[in-house]
Amino acid sequence: MLALTLALGSALPLHASAADAELLNVSYDVARELYKEVNPAFIASYKQQTGQTLTIKQSHGGSSKQARAVADGLEASVVTMNQANDIDLLVDRGLVAKDWAKKFPNNATPYYSTMVFLVRKGNPKQVRDWADLARPGVASIIPNPKTSGNGRYTYLAAWGSVIKKGGSEAQARDLVAKIFKNVPILDGGGRAATTTFTQRQIGDVLVTFENEVSMVRQEFGNDFEVIYPASSILAESPVAVVDKVVDRLKVRQPATAYLNFLYTPAGQEIGAKHFMRVRSETVMKKYAANYKPISLFTVDEVFGGWTAAQKRHFNDGGEFDKIYQAK
């Protein structure tokens, strides 16, 4: 788990009554760089508006693992996850309001992404679509769907790709089973999977968020290529205030302002710079070159929502366990 503290200097507050405050943003694995840039921008904006100096700490890991850490006592002021059911877990524990998705615009999702493929230069295995990941000899790097939102979205994207083409549930299950049979290492989170593929040189294709593969391409240049499948899943990044914590620590106002900042022109601009798909049409048009058009389907559309998907596919004894144990 990585914790980064980002703060402004020790300038005197504009208002003598304004006390310093600290927030902890518990987030998913591949959002490190995004919030590393968001935090100082928000700190400066909040300082200008209120005179209060904030410190913001970050904690990153597999999305579901992070949610469990908060449920077990990690004192998050806010959670910025990559799937709604991880926040719903905190609702069940009495930490987050039941109507959290109505507290902020767009169902409390300022950013979204999708799942795409990263292959080595020249695409030697000629990977083009989900079915190619099931071919013998094509090793896919996918993190564990039990601990990682990245892995969970990948599983659902592959399954849904069959259903959207008119295939049966049995055919979808068969495709996913063949894909995971080809996974040599089941990393705990998306960033670990990226390291396995790019630095350890394991696997033929990395399946991960569009924003993550774009960051890899930016860092490694022409060593890798991004491949867009014919269809993929809409991967939303929901956010929520952890009510029980912010009220006890008396930081509700800055915590709420922090999440609202993500929707501002400045917050949307930062998201787009980090290859997230943003809600602002103006910002999306500005960064249109970063986003290839792709047919997207939702978890609600194909799986009946996250609660149903979790119960059927990812709970202990669910479809994923059956598939992986048979590997």
Protein backbone atom coordinates (compact mmCIF):
# COMPACT_ATOMS: atom_id res chain seq x y z
CA MET A 1 0.00 0.00 0.00
CA LEU A 2 1.36 3.34 -0.99
CA ALA A 3 0.73 6.45 1.09
CA LEU A 4 1.69 9.80 -0.34
CA THR A 5 1.32 13.02 1.63
CA LEU A 6 0.75 16.11 -0.44
CA ALA A 7 0.46 19.49 1.24
CA LEU A 8 1.15 23.13 0.69
CA GLY A 9 3.74 25.02 2.67
CA SER A 10 3.11 26.38 6.14
CA ALA A 11 1.56 29.65 5.03
CA LEU A 12 -0.65 31.37 7.59
CA PRO A 13 -4.38 30.81 6.97
CA LEU A 14 -6.35 33.68 5.55
CA HIS A 15 -8.91 33.26 8.32
CA ALA A 16 -7.57 32.92 11.84
CA SER A 17 -10.37 30.54 12.76
CA ALA A 18 -9.61 28.12 9.95
CA ALA A 19 -7.97 25.02 11.41
CA ASP A 20 -5.76 22.69 9.41
CA ALA A 21 -7.30 19.34 8.45
CA GLU A 22 -6.18 16.02 7.01
CA LEU A 23 -8.03 13.76 4.57
CA LEU A 24 -7.31 10.19 3.54
CA ASN A 25 -8.38 9.13 0.04
CA VAL A 26 -8.54 5.33 -0.17
CA SER A 27 -8.49 4.44 -3.85
CA TYR A 28 -7.83 1.70 -6.35
CA ASP A 29 -4.52 0.54 -7.69
CA VAL A 30 -4.05 2.40 -10.96
CA ALA A 31 -5.39 5.79 -9.82
CA ARG A 32 -2.15 6.77 -8.04
CA GLU A 33 -0.90 9.27 -10.58
CA LEU A 34 -4.36 10.76 -11.13
CA TYR A 35 -4.86 11.69 -7.49
CA LYS A 36 -1.24 12.65 -7.05
CA GLU A 37 -2.06 15.52 -9.44
CA VAL A 38 -5.60 16.15 -8.21
CA ASN A 39 -4.55 16.60 -4.59
CA PRO A 40 -2.25 19.65 -4.82
CA ALA A 41 -4.66 21.33 -7.25
CA PHE A 42 -7.53 20.88 -4.81
CA ILE A 43 -5.43 21.90 -1.82
CA ALA A 44 -4.54 25.19 -3.52
CA SER A 45 -8.13 25.82 -4.58
CA TYR A 46 -9.52 25.06 -1.13
CA LYS A 47 -6.88 27.23 0.52
CA GLN A 48 -7.85 30.15 -1.70
CA GLN A 49 -11.56 29.69 -1.01
CA THR A 50 -11.50 28.98 2.74
CA GLY A 51 -8.07 29.88 4.09
CA GLN A 52 -7.72 26.33 5.42
CA THR A 53 -4.57 24.34 4.78
CA LEU A 54 -5.26 20.69 4.02
CA THR A 55 -3.09 17.61 3.97
CA ILE A 56 -4.28 14.76 1.76
CA LYS A 57 -2.96 11.23 2.05
CA GLN A 58 -3.47 8.50 -0.53
CA SER A 59 -3.81 4.75 -0.10
CA HIS A 60 -3.87 2.45 -3.13
CA GLY A 61 -4.40 -1.24 -3.81
CA GLY A 62 -6.87 -3.62 -5.42
CA SER A 63 -10.28 -1.94 -5.23
CA SER A 64 -12.04 -4.70 -3.28
CA LYS A 65 -9.06 -5.16 -0.99
CA GLN A 66 -9.11 -1.44 -0.27
CA ALA A 67 -12.83 -1.50 0.50
CA ARG A 68 -12.31 -4.32 2.97
CA ALA A 69 -9.50 -2.38 4.62
CA VAL A 70 -11.87 0.56 5.17
CA ALA A 71 -14.54 -1.81 6.45
CA ASP A 72 -11.99 -3.21 8.88
CA GLY A 73 -10.99 0.17 10.27
CA LEU A 74 -8.79 2.10 7.82
CA GLU A 75 -10.00 5.66 8.45
CA ALA A 76 -10.78 6.88 4.95
CA SER A 77 -12.35 10.32 4.64
CA VAL A 78 -13.35 9.47 1.07
CA VAL A 79 -13.23 6.41 -1.12
CA THR A 80 -12.59 6.69 -4.87
CA MET A 81 -13.11 3.17 -6.19
CA ASN A 82 -13.62 1.60 -9.59
CA GLN A 83 -16.85 -0.27 -8.95
CA ALA A 84 -20.04 0.44 -7.05
CA ASN A 85 -20.21 -2.80 -5.09
CA ASP A 86 -17.03 -1.91 -3.19
CA ILE A 87 -18.79 1.19 -1.89
CA ASP A 88 -21.94 -0.82 -1.22
CA LEU A 89 -19.85 -3.00 1.08
CA LEU A 90 -19.19 0.11 3.17
CA VAL A 91 -22.91 0.90 3.17
CA ASP A 92 -23.53 -2.56 4.63
CA ARG A 93 -21.00 -1.78 7.37
CA GLY A 94 -22.74 1.48 8.24
CA LEU A 95 -19.84 3.65 7.08
CA VAL A 96 -21.36 5.22 3.96
CA ALA A 97 -24.88 6.56 3.35
CA LYS A 98 -27.28 4.29 1.45
CA ASP A 99 -27.95 7.04 -1.07
CA TRP A 100 -24.25 7.73 -1.71
CA ALA A 101 -24.75 7.52 -5.51
CA LYS A 102 -27.14 10.50 -5.34
CA LYS A 103 -24.74 12.73 -3.41
CA PHE A 104 -22.72 13.71 -6.49
CA PRO A 105 -23.50 14.03 -10.23
CA ASN A 106 -23.60 11.12 -12.69
CA ASN A 107 -24.31 8.54 -9.98
CA ALA A 108 -21.25 9.81 -8.11
CA THR A 109 -18.91 8.85 -10.96
CA PRO A 110 -16.83 11.80 -12.20
CA TYR A 111 -14.71 9.58 -14.45
CA TYR A 112 -15.06 6.32 -16.35
CA SER A 113 -12.89 4.05 -18.47
CA THR A 114 -13.10 0.71 -20.25
CA MET A 115 -11.06 -2.47 -20.64
CA VAL A 116 -8.62 -2.75 -23.54
CA PHE A 117 -5.56 -4.80 -24.49
CA LEU A 118 -1.89 -3.92 -24.30
CA VAL A 119 0.33 -6.08 -26.51
CA ARG A 120 4.01 -6.09 -27.35
CA LYS A 121 5.29 -4.23 -30.39
CA GLY A 122 4.03 -5.76 -33.61
CA ASN A 123 1.28 -7.69 -31.80
CA PRO A 124 3.06 -11.02 -32.40
CA LYS A 125 0.09 -13.15 -31.28
CA GLN A 126 -2.34 -11.07 -33.40
CA VAL A 127 -4.73 -10.36 -30.56
CA ARG A 128 -7.75 -8.41 -31.81
CA ASP A 129 -10.77 -9.37 -29.73
CA TRP A 130 -11.85 -11.25 -26.60
CA ALA A 131 -11.97 -14.60 -28.37
CA ASP A 132 -8.27 -14.31 -29.17
CA LEU A 133 -7.45 -14.42 -25.45
CA ALA A 134 -8.92 -17.92 -25.34
CA ARG A 135 -6.60 -19.31 -28.02
CA PRO A 136 -4.01 -21.86 -26.87
CA GLY A 137 -0.62 -20.23 -26.37
CA VAL A 138 -1.93 -16.69 -25.72
CA ALA A 139 -0.93 -15.81 -22.16
CA SER A 140 -3.07 -13.03 -20.68
CA ILE A 141 -2.11 -10.98 -17.64
CA ILE A 142 -5.27 -10.22 -15.65
CA PRO A 143 -5.43 -9.43 -11.92
CA ASN A 144 -7.55 -11.45 -9.51
CA PRO A 145 -11.28 -10.65 -9.87
CA LYS A 146 -11.72 -11.52 -6.19
CA THR A 147 -9.53 -8.60 -5.07
CA SER A 148 -9.31 -6.25 -8.05
CA GLY A 149 -11.91 -4.17 -9.86
CA ASN A 150 -9.60 -4.35 -12.86
CA GLY A 151 -9.87 -8.15 -12.91
CA ARG A 152 -13.61 -8.05 -12.25
CA TYR A 153 -14.29 -5.69 -15.14
CA THR A 154 -12.13 -7.83 -17.43
CA TYR A 155 -14.07 -10.97 -16.51
CA LEU A 156 -17.42 -9.21 -17.07
CA ALA A 157 -16.25 -7.57 -20.30
CA ALA A 158 -15.27 -10.94 -21.77
CA TRP A 159 -18.51 -12.58 -20.62
CA GLY A 160 -20.62 -9.67 -21.88
CA SER A 161 -18.91 -9.63 -25.26
CA VAL A 162 -20.50 -13.02 -25.97
CA ILE A 163 -23.95 -12.04 -24.73
CA LYS A 164 -23.95 -8.79 -26.72
CA LYS A 165 -23.32 -10.79 -29.91
CA GLY A 166 -26.30 -13.04 -29.18
CA GLY A 167 -24.36 -15.87 -27.58
CA SER A 168 -25.61 -17.98 -24.69
CA GLU A 169 -24.61 -17.91 -21.04
CA ALA A 170 -22.93 -21.28 -21.55
CA GLN A 171 -20.85 -19.90 -24.42
CA ALA A 172 -19.89 -16.87 -22.34
CA ARG A 173 -18.81 -19.10 -19.46
CA ASP A 174 -16.76 -21.25 -21.83
CA LEU A 175 -14.93 -18.21 -23.23
CA VAL A 176 -14.12 -16.84 -19.79
CA ALA A 177 -12.95 -20.26 -18.59
CA LYS A 178 -10.56 -20.57 -21.54
CA ILE A 179 -9.23 -17.04 -21.01
CA PHE A 180 -8.45 -17.61 -17.33
CA LYS A 181 -6.89 -20.97 -18.15
CA ASN A 182 -4.33 -18.91 -20.08
CA VAL A 183 -3.55 -16.57 -17.15
CA PRO A 184 -0.11 -17.58 -15.79
CA ILE A 185 -0.13 -15.25 -12.75
CA LEU A 186 -3.13 -13.88 -10.89
CA ASP A 187 -1.86 -10.61 -9.41
CA GLY A 188 -3.72 -8.92 -6.58
CA GLY A 189 -4.24 -5.57 -8.34
CA GLY A 190 -4.00 -3.74 -11.64
CA ARG A 191 -0.66 -2.06 -11.06
CA ALA A 192 0.95 -5.35 -10.04
CA ALA A 193 -0.36 -6.86 -13.29
CA THR A 194 1.13 -3.97 -15.26
CA THR A 195 4.50 -4.60 -13.61
CA THR A 196 4.28 -8.31 -14.39
CA PHE A 197 3.68 -7.59 -18.07
CA THR A 198 5.94 -4.60 -18.68
CA GLN A 199 8.88 -5.16 -16.34
CA ARG A 200 8.89 -8.89 -15.70
CA GLN A 201 8.12 -9.49 -19.39
CA ILE A 202 5.52 -12.18 -18.64
CA GLY A 203 2.54 -12.74 -20.91
CA ASP A 204 1.45 -11.81 -24.42
CA VAL A 205 -1.32 -9.36 -23.55
CA LEU A 206 -2.23 -7.22 -20.56
CA VAL A 207 -5.93 -6.55 -20.09
CA THR A 208 -6.47 -3.39 -18.10
CA PHE A 209 -8.15 0.00 -17.98
CA GLU A 210 -7.80 2.24 -21.01
CA ASN A 211 -6.20 4.94 -18.87
CA GLU A 212 -3.59 2.49 -17.55
CA VAL A 213 -2.50 1.26 -20.99
CA SER A 214 -2.30 4.84 -22.21
CA MET A 215 0.01 5.67 -19.30
CA VAL A 216 2.17 2.65 -20.16
CA ARG A 217 2.41 3.73 -23.79
CA GLN A 218 3.39 7.22 -22.64
CA GLU A 219 6.17 5.79 -20.47
CA PHE A 220 7.50 3.05 -22.74
CA GLY A 221 6.78 4.56 -26.15
CA ASN A 222 6.74 2.14 -29.06
CA ASP A 223 7.52 -0.98 -27.02
CA PHE A 224 3.78 -1.68 -26.75
CA GLU A 225 0.58 -1.26 -28.75
CA VAL A 226 -3.00 -0.68 -27.58
CA ILE A 227 -5.69 -2.90 -29.09
CA TYR A 228 -9.40 -2.07 -28.78
CA PRO A 229 -11.77 -5.06 -28.85
CA ALA A 230 -15.02 -4.81 -30.81
CA SER A 231 -16.93 -4.15 -27.59
CA SER A 232 -16.08 -3.68 -23.95
CA ILE A 233 -17.58 -2.69 -20.63
CA LEU A 234 -18.26 0.76 -19.21
CA ALA A 235 -15.99 0.93 -16.16
CA GLU A 236 -17.17 3.70 -13.86
CA SER A 237 -15.09 5.14 -11.02
CA PRO A 238 -17.55 5.95 -8.20
CA VAL A 239 -16.71 8.16 -5.23
CA ALA A 240 -18.20 8.58 -1.77
CA VAL A 241 -17.68 10.35 1.52
CA VAL A 242 -17.15 7.93 4.43
CA ASP A 243 -19.78 9.52 6.65
CA LYS A 244 -18.92 7.80 9.90
CA VAL A 245 -15.27 8.89 9.67
CA VAL A 246 -15.73 12.48 8.47
CA ASP A 247 -18.30 13.23 11.14
CA ARG A 248 -16.10 11.85 13.89
CA LEU A 249 -13.04 13.74 12.62
CA LYS A 250 -15.09 16.84 11.73
CA VAL A 251 -13.85 16.99 8.14
CA ARG A 252 -17.12 16.58 6.24
CA GLN A 253 -16.86 19.99 4.55
CA PRO A 254 -13.39 19.54 3.01
CA ALA A 255 -14.09 15.88 2.18
CA THR A 256 -17.26 16.83 0.29
CA ALA A 257 -15.49 19.74 -1.42
CA TYR A 258 -12.70 17.36 -2.47
CA LEU A 259 -15.10 15.07 -4.33
CA ASN A 260 -16.98 18.01 -5.83
CA PHE A 261 -13.65 19.30 -7.16
CA LEU A 262 -13.42 16.25 -9.41
CA TYR A 263 -16.38 17.60 -11.39
CA THR A 264 -15.00 21.12 -11.83
CA PRO A 265 -13.30 22.14 -15.09
CA ALA A 266 -9.93 21.82 -13.33
CA GLY A 267 -10.75 18.37 -11.96
CA GLN A 268 -12.10 17.14 -15.29
CA GLU A 269 -9.04 18.49 -17.08
CA ILE A 270 -6.73 16.55 -14.76
CA GLY A 271 -8.78 13.40 -15.30
CA ALA A 272 -8.54 13.75 -19.07
CA LYS A 273 -4.79 14.35 -18.88
CA HIS A 274 -4.59 10.97 -17.17
CA PHE A 275 -6.63 9.37 -19.96
CA MET A 276 -9.84 9.00 -17.97
CA ARG A 277 -13.07 9.54 -19.90
CA VAL A 278 -14.69 12.53 -18.21
CA ARG A 279 -18.22 13.89 -17.90
CA SER A 280 -17.48 17.34 -19.30
CA GLU A 281 -18.29 17.40 -23.01
CA THR A 282 -16.00 20.40 -23.44
CA VAL A 283 -13.03 18.61 -21.90
CA MET A 284 -13.78 15.37 -23.77
CA LYS A 285 -13.74 17.27 -27.07
CA LYS A 286 -10.44 18.88 -26.16
CA TYR A 287 -8.85 15.47 -25.54
CA ALA A 288 -10.78 13.58 -28.22
CA ALA A 289 -7.58 12.22 -29.75
CA ASN A 290 -6.99 10.17 -26.59
CA TYR A 291 -10.20 8.19 -26.93
CA LYS A 292 -10.93 5.71 -29.67
CA PRO A 293 -14.66 5.12 -30.25
CA ILE A 294 -15.75 1.74 -28.88
CA SER A 295 -19.07 0.01 -28.30
CA LEU A 296 -19.65 -0.06 -24.54
CA PHE A 297 -22.16 -2.00 -22.47
CA THR A 298 -22.93 -1.61 -18.77
CA VAL A 299 -23.01 -3.96 -15.81
CA ASP A 300 -26.71 -3.13 -15.37
CA GLU A 301 -27.47 -3.91 -19.01
CA VAL A 302 -25.88 -7.36 -19.18
CA PHE A 303 -25.68 -8.55 -15.58
CA GLY A 304 -28.59 -6.86 -13.82
CA GLY A 305 -26.40 -4.59 -11.72
CA TRP A 306 -23.41 -5.00 -9.46
CA THR A 307 -25.26 -6.77 -6.65
CA ALA A 308 -26.42 -9.52 -8.99
CA ALA A 309 -23.02 -9.74 -10.72
CA GLN A 310 -21.19 -9.99 -7.41
CA LYS A 311 -23.47 -12.69 -6.05
CA ARG A 312 -23.38 -14.86 -9.15
CA HIS A 313 -19.81 -14.43 -10.30
CA PHE A 314 -17.49 -13.28 -7.51
CA ASN A 315 -18.84 -14.37 -4.13
CA ASP A 316 -17.20 -17.43 -2.62
CA GLY A 317 -18.38 -20.47 -4.55
CA GLY A 318 -19.54 -18.34 -7.50
CA GLU A 319 -18.80 -18.71 -11.18
CA PHE A 320 -15.25 -17.40 -10.98
CA ASP A 321 -14.29 -19.81 -8.19
CA LYS A 322 -15.72 -22.73 -10.16
CA ILE A 323 -13.91 -21.65 -13.32
CA TYR A 324 -10.58 -21.03 -11.66
CA GLN A 325 -10.61 -24.15 -9.49
CA ALA A 326 -11.20 -26.20 -12.63
CA LYS A 327 -8.14 -24.64 -14.26
